[in-house]
Amino acid sequence: MRKTAMTVGFADLSHFVRVTEIIGEEQALTMLQEAFKAAGNCILQKGGTIRKYIGDTILFTFEDTATARIVAKEIRACFLFKRGKICVQFNIGLATGEVWEVKIGHPDCIVDDIYGMTVNNAALLSREAFKSSNGIKMCSVTAGTVNKTGTK
């Protein structure tokens, strides 16, 4: 177990349950895999880590906050599914701070995971992200971070 600072992201697909009811489970799972692949490419190509999948949500981390902000925009743009009035797209919450990196679980099924208020904050922000104009909600630390070029 170790404590470290990082930016945590939750990328949550909006309206996934509703679209599953409309197109069926098999097509919805195919769509989910396409969405995870597209978002995963954005995360991995910029040096991020995919921590786990939780239903229709990706939990990911970055050591560099400025890169996490850029990737959040890329994830938002990388996948869009429309059916009638339903629009399925990632909403992203980002929080920066200390997290615990741990190995946890049943002795026969230990997994790597992250815990802490920063993780909780990112999850809460992702639930509020749909209210923002760009589908991304950040904590004040993440939003105020200056990138390597000196601009916000």
N, C-alpha and C. Protein backbone atom coordinates (compact mmCIF):
# COMPACT_ATOMS: atom_id res chain seq x y z
N MET A 1 0.86 -1.17 0.00
CA MET A 1 0.00 0.00 0.00
C MET A 1 0.90 1.23 0.00
N ARG A 2 0.54 2.19 -0.90
CA ARG A 2 1.30 3.44 -0.90
C ARG A 2 0.39 4.60 -1.26
N LYS A 3 0.72 5.75 -0.70
CA LYS A 3 -0.04 6.97 -0.96
C LYS A 3 0.71 7.78 -2.01
N THR A 4 -0.03 8.27 -3.01
CA THR A 4 0.61 9.02 -4.08
C THR A 4 -0.37 10.06 -4.63
N ALA A 5 0.16 11.10 -5.25
CA ALA A 5 -0.67 12.13 -5.85
C ALA A 5 -0.88 11.82 -7.33
N MET A 6 -2.11 12.02 -7.79
CA MET A 6 -2.43 11.80 -9.20
C MET A 6 -3.76 12.44 -9.53
N THR A 7 -4.08 12.46 -10.81
CA THR A 7 -5.40 12.90 -11.24
C THR A 7 -6.22 11.66 -11.58
N VAL A 8 -7.41 11.59 -11.00
CA VAL A 8 -8.30 10.45 -11.17
C VAL A 8 -9.46 10.87 -12.05
N GLY A 9 -9.80 10.00 -13.00
CA GLY A 9 -10.93 10.28 -13.89
C GLY A 9 -11.95 9.16 -13.88
N PHE A 10 -13.20 9.56 -13.94
CA PHE A 10 -14.30 8.63 -14.16
C PHE A 10 -14.96 9.06 -15.47
N ALA A 11 -14.98 8.17 -16.45
CA ALA A 11 -15.67 8.43 -17.72
C ALA A 11 -16.90 7.52 -17.74
N ASP A 12 -18.06 8.14 -17.63
CA ASP A 12 -19.32 7.43 -17.47
C ASP A 12 -20.20 7.66 -18.70
N LEU A 13 -20.70 6.57 -19.30
CA LEU A 13 -21.58 6.71 -20.45
C LEU A 13 -22.97 7.15 -20.02
N SER A 14 -23.44 8.22 -20.60
CA SER A 14 -24.78 8.72 -20.29
C SER A 14 -25.83 7.87 -20.99
N HIS A 15 -26.97 7.69 -20.35
CA HIS A 15 -28.15 7.03 -20.93
C HIS A 15 -27.91 5.59 -21.39
N PHE A 16 -26.91 4.92 -20.83
CA PHE A 16 -26.61 3.57 -21.30
C PHE A 16 -27.74 2.59 -20.99
N VAL A 17 -28.33 2.67 -19.83
CA VAL A 17 -29.42 1.77 -19.48
C VAL A 17 -30.59 1.97 -20.43
N ARG A 18 -30.92 3.21 -20.69
CA ARG A 18 -32.04 3.50 -21.58
C ARG A 18 -31.78 2.98 -22.99
N VAL A 19 -30.58 3.19 -23.50
CA VAL A 19 -30.29 2.72 -24.86
C VAL A 19 -30.26 1.19 -24.91
N THR A 20 -29.89 0.55 -23.81
CA THR A 20 -29.93 -0.91 -23.75
C THR A 20 -31.37 -1.41 -23.90
N GLU A 21 -32.29 -0.72 -23.27
CA GLU A 21 -33.71 -1.08 -23.41
C GLU A 21 -34.18 -0.92 -24.84
N ILE A 22 -33.64 0.04 -25.56
CA ILE A 22 -34.08 0.32 -26.93
C ILE A 22 -33.44 -0.64 -27.94
N ILE A 23 -32.13 -0.86 -27.84
CA ILE A 23 -31.44 -1.66 -28.87
C ILE A 23 -31.19 -3.10 -28.45
N GLY A 24 -31.41 -3.43 -27.20
CA GLY A 24 -31.19 -4.79 -26.71
C GLY A 24 -29.81 -4.96 -26.11
N GLU A 25 -29.69 -5.97 -25.28
CA GLU A 25 -28.45 -6.19 -24.53
C GLU A 25 -27.26 -6.52 -25.41
N GLU A 26 -27.45 -7.37 -26.41
CA GLU A 26 -26.32 -7.78 -27.25
C GLU A 26 -25.74 -6.60 -28.02
N GLN A 27 -26.59 -5.80 -28.64
CA GLN A 27 -26.10 -4.62 -29.35
C GLN A 27 -25.52 -3.59 -28.38
N ALA A 28 -26.11 -3.48 -27.21
CA ALA A 28 -25.59 -2.53 -26.22
C ALA A 28 -24.20 -2.94 -25.76
N LEU A 29 -23.97 -4.22 -25.57
CA LEU A 29 -22.64 -4.69 -25.17
C LEU A 29 -21.62 -4.43 -26.27
N THR A 30 -22.02 -4.61 -27.53
CA THR A 30 -21.12 -4.30 -28.64
C THR A 30 -20.78 -2.82 -28.63
N MET A 31 -21.79 -1.98 -28.43
CA MET A 31 -21.59 -0.54 -28.36
C MET A 31 -20.67 -0.17 -27.19
N LEU A 32 -20.89 -0.80 -26.04
CA LEU A 32 -20.07 -0.54 -24.86
C LEU A 32 -18.61 -0.88 -25.12
N GLN A 33 -18.38 -2.01 -25.78
CA GLN A 33 -17.00 -2.40 -26.11
C GLN A 33 -16.36 -1.38 -27.04
N GLU A 34 -17.11 -0.90 -28.03
CA GLU A 34 -16.58 0.13 -28.95
C GLU A 34 -16.24 1.41 -28.18
N ALA A 35 -17.12 1.79 -27.28
CA ALA A 35 -16.88 3.00 -26.48
C ALA A 35 -15.65 2.84 -25.59
N PHE A 36 -15.54 1.68 -24.92
CA PHE A 36 -14.38 1.43 -24.06
C PHE A 36 -13.08 1.41 -24.87
N LYS A 37 -13.12 0.85 -26.07
CA LYS A 37 -11.92 0.81 -26.90
C LYS A 37 -11.51 2.22 -27.31
N ALA A 38 -12.47 3.02 -27.77
CA ALA A 38 -12.16 4.39 -28.19
C ALA A 38 -11.61 5.22 -27.04
N ALA A 39 -12.27 5.18 -25.89
CA ALA A 39 -11.80 5.94 -24.73
C ALA A 39 -10.47 5.40 -24.22
N GLY A 40 -10.35 4.08 -24.20
CA GLY A 40 -9.10 3.46 -23.75
C GLY A 40 -7.92 3.86 -24.61
N ASN A 41 -8.14 3.97 -25.92
CA ASN A 41 -7.06 4.42 -26.80
C ASN A 41 -6.62 5.83 -26.42
N CYS A 42 -7.56 6.71 -26.12
CA CYS A 42 -7.23 8.09 -25.71
C CYS A 42 -6.38 8.07 -24.44
N ILE A 43 -6.77 7.26 -23.48
CA ILE A 43 -6.08 7.18 -22.19
C ILE A 43 -4.68 6.60 -22.34
N LEU A 44 -4.58 5.46 -22.99
CA LEU A 44 -3.31 4.75 -23.09
C LEU A 44 -2.31 5.46 -23.99
N GLN A 45 -2.75 6.09 -25.07
CA GLN A 45 -1.84 6.77 -25.99
C GLN A 45 -1.17 7.99 -25.35
N LYS A 46 -1.78 8.52 -24.30
CA LYS A 46 -1.20 9.69 -23.62
C LYS A 46 -0.55 9.31 -22.29
N GLY A 47 -0.36 8.02 -22.04
CA GLY A 47 0.37 7.59 -20.85
C GLY A 47 -0.45 7.41 -19.59
N GLY A 48 -1.76 7.37 -19.72
CA GLY A 48 -2.62 7.14 -18.56
C GLY A 48 -2.73 5.66 -18.24
N THR A 49 -3.39 5.38 -17.13
CA THR A 49 -3.60 4.00 -16.69
C THR A 49 -5.10 3.76 -16.53
N ILE A 50 -5.59 2.70 -17.16
CA ILE A 50 -6.96 2.27 -16.94
C ILE A 50 -6.93 1.41 -15.69
N ARG A 51 -7.64 1.85 -14.66
CA ARG A 51 -7.63 1.13 -13.39
C ARG A 51 -8.66 0.01 -13.35
N LYS A 52 -9.88 0.28 -13.85
CA LYS A 52 -10.92 -0.75 -13.90
C LYS A 52 -12.14 -0.21 -14.62
N TYR A 53 -13.01 -1.14 -14.95
CA TYR A 53 -14.31 -0.82 -15.54
C TYR A 53 -15.37 -1.13 -14.49
N ILE A 54 -16.30 -0.22 -14.32
CA ILE A 54 -17.38 -0.39 -13.36
C ILE A 54 -18.67 -0.17 -14.14
N GLY A 55 -19.32 -1.24 -14.56
CA GLY A 55 -20.51 -1.10 -15.39
C GLY A 55 -20.17 -0.40 -16.69
N ASP A 56 -20.75 0.78 -16.92
CA ASP A 56 -20.48 1.54 -18.15
C ASP A 56 -19.52 2.71 -17.89
N THR A 57 -18.68 2.56 -16.87
CA THR A 57 -17.74 3.61 -16.47
C THR A 57 -16.31 3.09 -16.49
N ILE A 58 -15.39 3.97 -16.91
CA ILE A 58 -13.96 3.67 -16.87
C ILE A 58 -13.33 4.51 -15.77
N LEU A 59 -12.61 3.87 -14.87
CA LEU A 59 -11.82 4.57 -13.86
C LEU A 59 -10.38 4.60 -14.38
N PHE A 60 -9.83 5.81 -14.52
CA PHE A 60 -8.48 5.94 -15.06
C PHE A 60 -7.69 6.98 -14.27
N THR A 61 -6.36 6.95 -14.41
CA THR A 61 -5.51 7.90 -13.71
C THR A 61 -4.40 8.42 -14.61
N PHE A 62 -3.92 9.60 -14.24
CA PHE A 62 -2.76 10.22 -14.88
C PHE A 62 -1.88 10.82 -13.81
N GLU A 63 -0.59 10.74 -14.01
CA GLU A 63 0.34 11.42 -13.11
C GLU A 63 0.36 12.91 -13.40
N ASP A 64 0.16 13.29 -14.67
CA ASP A 64 0.20 14.68 -15.10
C ASP A 64 -1.23 15.22 -15.28
N THR A 65 -1.58 16.21 -14.51
CA THR A 65 -2.93 16.75 -14.53
C THR A 65 -3.28 17.42 -15.86
N ALA A 66 -2.35 18.14 -16.43
CA ALA A 66 -2.62 18.81 -17.71
C ALA A 66 -2.96 17.78 -18.79
N THR A 67 -2.26 16.68 -18.80
CA THR A 67 -2.55 15.62 -19.78
C THR A 67 -3.92 15.01 -19.51
N ALA A 68 -4.28 14.84 -18.25
CA ALA A 68 -5.60 14.31 -17.91
C ALA A 68 -6.70 15.22 -18.44
N ARG A 69 -6.50 16.52 -18.34
CA ARG A 69 -7.50 17.47 -18.85
C ARG A 69 -7.65 17.35 -20.36
N ILE A 70 -6.54 17.21 -21.06
CA ILE A 70 -6.57 17.05 -22.52
C ILE A 70 -7.30 15.76 -22.89
N VAL A 71 -6.95 14.69 -22.20
CA VAL A 71 -7.56 13.39 -22.50
C VAL A 71 -9.05 13.38 -22.20
N ALA A 72 -9.47 14.08 -21.17
CA ALA A 72 -10.91 14.16 -20.87
C ALA A 72 -11.66 14.72 -22.07
N LYS A 73 -11.14 15.74 -22.70
CA LYS A 73 -11.77 16.31 -23.90
C LYS A 73 -11.76 15.31 -25.05
N GLU A 74 -10.67 14.58 -25.19
CA GLU A 74 -10.59 13.58 -26.26
C GLU A 74 -11.59 12.45 -26.03
N ILE A 75 -11.73 12.00 -24.78
CA ILE A 75 -12.69 10.95 -24.47
C ILE A 75 -14.10 11.43 -24.79
N ARG A 76 -14.39 12.64 -24.41
CA ARG A 76 -15.72 13.19 -24.67
C ARG A 76 -16.03 13.19 -26.17
N ALA A 77 -15.03 13.47 -26.99
CA ALA A 77 -15.22 13.57 -28.44
C ALA A 77 -15.10 12.23 -29.17
N CYS A 78 -14.55 11.22 -28.53
CA CYS A 78 -14.19 9.98 -29.24
C CYS A 78 -15.36 9.04 -29.51
N PHE A 79 -16.47 9.22 -28.79
CA PHE A 79 -17.58 8.29 -28.95
C PHE A 79 -18.91 9.01 -28.80
N LEU A 80 -19.80 8.77 -29.76
CA LEU A 80 -21.14 9.33 -29.72
C LEU A 80 -22.09 8.36 -30.41
N PHE A 81 -23.15 8.00 -29.72
CA PHE A 81 -24.18 7.12 -30.27
C PHE A 81 -25.52 7.82 -30.12
N LYS A 82 -26.24 7.97 -31.24
CA LYS A 82 -27.55 8.62 -31.18
C LYS A 82 -28.61 7.65 -31.71
N ARG A 83 -29.72 7.64 -30.99
CA ARG A 83 -30.89 6.88 -31.42
C ARG A 83 -32.10 7.71 -31.00
N GLY A 84 -32.75 8.32 -31.97
CA GLY A 84 -33.88 9.20 -31.65
C GLY A 84 -33.41 10.36 -30.79
N LYS A 85 -34.05 10.57 -29.67
CA LYS A 85 -33.69 11.66 -28.76
C LYS A 85 -32.61 11.25 -27.76
N ILE A 86 -32.22 9.97 -27.79
CA ILE A 86 -31.21 9.47 -26.85
C ILE A 86 -29.82 9.69 -27.45
N CYS A 87 -28.94 10.25 -26.64
CA CYS A 87 -27.55 10.50 -27.04
C CYS A 87 -26.65 9.87 -25.98
N VAL A 88 -25.86 8.87 -26.37
CA VAL A 88 -24.94 8.20 -25.46
C VAL A 88 -23.55 8.76 -25.71
N GLN A 89 -22.97 9.33 -24.65
CA GLN A 89 -21.66 9.95 -24.73
C GLN A 89 -21.03 9.90 -23.35
N PHE A 90 -19.71 9.94 -23.29
CA PHE A 90 -19.04 9.93 -21.99
C PHE A 90 -19.19 11.29 -21.29
N ASN A 91 -19.52 11.24 -20.00
CA ASN A 91 -19.42 12.37 -19.10
C ASN A 91 -18.24 12.07 -18.19
N ILE A 92 -17.40 13.07 -17.97
CA ILE A 92 -16.14 12.83 -17.27
C ILE A 92 -16.00 13.71 -16.04
N GLY A 93 -15.61 13.08 -14.94
CA GLY A 93 -15.26 13.78 -13.72
C GLY A 93 -13.77 13.61 -13.45
N LEU A 94 -13.08 14.70 -13.14
CA LEU A 94 -11.65 14.66 -12.84
C LEU A 94 -11.38 15.29 -11.48
N ALA A 95 -10.56 14.62 -10.68
CA ALA A 95 -10.14 15.16 -9.39
C ALA A 95 -8.65 14.87 -9.19
N THR A 96 -7.96 15.82 -8.61
CA THR A 96 -6.52 15.68 -8.39
C THR A 96 -6.24 15.73 -6.89
N GLY A 97 -5.37 14.82 -6.45
CA GLY A 97 -5.00 14.77 -5.05
C GLY A 97 -4.34 13.45 -4.70
N GLU A 98 -4.25 13.18 -3.42
CA GLU A 98 -3.62 11.94 -2.96
C GLU A 98 -4.60 10.78 -3.01
N VAL A 99 -4.09 9.63 -3.41
CA VAL A 99 -4.87 8.39 -3.41
C VAL A 99 -4.01 7.28 -2.81
N TRP A 100 -4.68 6.26 -2.33
CA TRP A 100 -4.00 5.06 -1.86
C TRP A 100 -4.02 4.05 -3.00
N GLU A 101 -2.84 3.58 -3.39
CA GLU A 101 -2.74 2.46 -4.33
C GLU A 101 -2.60 1.21 -3.47
N VAL A 102 -3.52 0.27 -3.66
CA VAL A 102 -3.56 -0.89 -2.78
C VAL A 102 -3.79 -2.18 -3.56
N LYS A 103 -3.42 -3.27 -2.93
CA LYS A 103 -3.80 -4.60 -3.36
C LYS A 103 -4.82 -5.07 -2.33
N ILE A 104 -6.02 -5.41 -2.80
CA ILE A 104 -7.10 -5.66 -1.87
C ILE A 104 -8.04 -6.74 -2.42
N GLY A 105 -8.74 -7.39 -1.51
CA GLY A 105 -9.74 -8.37 -1.91
C GLY A 105 -9.63 -9.65 -1.12
N HIS A 106 -10.38 -10.63 -1.56
CA HIS A 106 -10.33 -11.96 -0.98
C HIS A 106 -8.94 -12.55 -1.22
N PRO A 107 -8.39 -13.31 -0.30
CA PRO A 107 -7.04 -13.86 -0.48
C PRO A 107 -6.86 -14.63 -1.79
N ASP A 108 -7.93 -15.19 -2.33
CA ASP A 108 -7.84 -15.91 -3.60
C ASP A 108 -8.10 -15.02 -4.82
N CYS A 109 -8.38 -13.76 -4.57
CA CYS A 109 -8.69 -12.84 -5.68
C CYS A 109 -8.29 -11.42 -5.30
N ILE A 110 -6.99 -11.20 -5.20
CA ILE A 110 -6.45 -9.88 -4.86
C ILE A 110 -6.35 -9.05 -6.15
N VAL A 111 -6.80 -7.79 -6.07
CA VAL A 111 -6.73 -6.90 -7.22
C VAL A 111 -6.01 -5.61 -6.84
N ASP A 112 -5.43 -4.96 -7.84
CA ASP A 112 -4.85 -3.63 -7.65
C ASP A 112 -5.99 -2.63 -7.73
N ASP A 113 -6.01 -1.66 -6.82
CA ASP A 113 -7.08 -0.68 -6.82
C ASP A 113 -6.57 0.63 -6.25
N ILE A 114 -7.41 1.65 -6.31
CA ILE A 114 -7.09 2.93 -5.71
C ILE A 114 -8.27 3.36 -4.84
N TYR A 115 -7.94 4.06 -3.75
CA TYR A 115 -8.95 4.51 -2.78
C TYR A 115 -8.61 5.90 -2.29
N GLY A 116 -9.61 6.57 -1.77
CA GLY A 116 -9.40 7.86 -1.13
C GLY A 116 -10.42 8.88 -1.57
N MET A 117 -10.38 10.03 -0.92
CA MET A 117 -11.34 11.10 -1.21
C MET A 117 -11.20 11.61 -2.63
N THR A 118 -10.02 11.58 -3.19
CA THR A 118 -9.84 12.03 -4.58
C THR A 118 -10.63 11.13 -5.52
N VAL A 119 -10.61 9.83 -5.28
CA VAL A 119 -11.38 8.89 -6.09
C VAL A 119 -12.87 9.17 -5.93
N ASN A 120 -13.30 9.34 -4.70
CA ASN A 120 -14.71 9.65 -4.43
C ASN A 120 -15.14 10.95 -5.11
N ASN A 121 -14.28 11.96 -5.05
CA ASN A 121 -14.60 13.24 -5.67
C ASN A 121 -14.75 13.10 -7.19
N ALA A 122 -13.86 12.35 -7.82
CA ALA A 122 -13.95 12.15 -9.27
C ALA A 122 -15.26 11.46 -9.64
N ALA A 123 -15.66 10.48 -8.84
CA ALA A 123 -16.92 9.77 -9.10
C ALA A 123 -18.10 10.73 -8.98
N LEU A 124 -18.12 11.54 -7.94
CA LEU A 124 -19.20 12.51 -7.76
C LEU A 124 -19.23 13.54 -8.88
N LEU A 125 -18.08 13.99 -9.30
CA LEU A 125 -18.01 14.96 -10.39
C LEU A 125 -18.53 14.39 -11.70
N SER A 126 -18.26 13.10 -11.94
CA SER A 126 -18.74 12.48 -13.19
C SER A 126 -20.27 12.46 -13.24
N ARG A 127 -20.89 12.34 -12.08
CA ARG A 127 -22.36 12.33 -12.02
C ARG A 127 -22.95 13.71 -12.28
N GLU A 128 -22.14 14.74 -12.09
CA GLU A 128 -22.59 16.12 -12.32
C GLU A 128 -22.15 16.66 -13.68
N ALA A 129 -21.28 15.93 -14.37
CA ALA A 129 -20.68 16.43 -15.61
C ALA A 129 -21.69 16.68 -16.72
N PHE A 130 -22.79 15.94 -16.74
CA PHE A 130 -23.78 16.13 -17.80
C PHE A 130 -24.39 17.53 -17.77
N LYS A 131 -24.30 18.19 -16.63
CA LYS A 131 -24.86 19.54 -16.50
C LYS A 131 -23.96 20.61 -17.13
N SER A 132 -22.69 20.27 -17.35
CA SER A 132 -21.76 21.25 -17.92
C SER A 132 -21.88 21.24 -19.45
N SER A 133 -21.51 22.33 -20.06
CA SER A 133 -21.65 22.46 -21.51
C SER A 133 -20.77 21.49 -22.29
N ASN A 134 -19.63 21.08 -21.70
CA ASN A 134 -18.73 20.18 -22.40
C ASN A 134 -18.73 18.76 -21.85
N GLY A 135 -19.59 18.46 -20.87
CA GLY A 135 -19.67 17.11 -20.33
C GLY A 135 -18.51 16.72 -19.42
N ILE A 136 -17.75 17.71 -18.98
CA ILE A 136 -16.59 17.46 -18.12
C ILE A 136 -16.71 18.34 -16.88
N LYS A 137 -16.49 17.75 -15.72
CA LYS A 137 -16.52 18.50 -14.46
C LYS A 137 -15.23 18.18 -13.71
N MET A 138 -14.54 19.22 -13.23
CA MET A 138 -13.26 19.06 -12.54
C MET A 138 -13.30 19.69 -11.17
N CYS A 139 -12.51 19.14 -10.26
CA CYS A 139 -12.34 19.79 -8.97
C CYS A 139 -11.51 21.05 -9.19
N SER A 140 -11.48 21.92 -8.21
CA SER A 140 -10.77 23.20 -8.36
C SER A 140 -9.27 23.00 -8.56
N VAL A 141 -8.71 21.99 -7.95
CA VAL A 141 -7.27 21.72 -8.12
C VAL A 141 -6.98 21.34 -9.57
N THR A 142 -7.78 20.45 -10.13
CA THR A 142 -7.58 20.02 -11.51
C THR A 142 -7.82 21.19 -12.47
N ALA A 143 -8.87 21.92 -12.27
CA ALA A 143 -9.20 23.05 -13.15
C ALA A 143 -8.16 24.15 -13.08
N GLY A 144 -7.52 24.31 -11.94
CA GLY A 144 -6.56 25.39 -11.78
C GLY A 144 -5.13 25.02 -12.11
N THR A 145 -4.89 23.78 -12.47
CA THR A 145 -3.54 23.33 -12.75
C THR A 145 -3.02 23.94 -14.05
N VAL A 146 -1.82 24.45 -14.01
CA VAL A 146 -1.18 25.01 -15.18
C VAL A 146 -0.37 23.91 -15.85
N ASN A 147 -0.49 23.82 -17.19
CA ASN A 147 0.25 22.76 -17.89
C ASN A 147 1.72 23.17 -18.08
N LYS A 148 2.47 22.31 -18.72
CA LYS A 148 3.92 22.50 -18.86
C LYS A 148 4.30 23.71 -19.68
N THR A 149 3.39 24.21 -20.54
CA THR A 149 3.70 25.38 -21.35
C THR A 149 3.41 26.67 -20.60
N GLY A 150 2.82 26.57 -19.41
CA GLY A 150 2.56 27.74 -18.59
C GLY A 150 1.18 28.33 -18.79
N THR A 151 0.32 27.66 -19.57
CA THR A 151 -1.04 28.17 -19.78
C THR A 151 -2.03 27.24 -19.10
N LYS A 152 -3.21 27.80 -18.80
CA LYS A 152 -4.25 26.99 -18.18
C LYS A 152 -5.06 26.26 -19.23
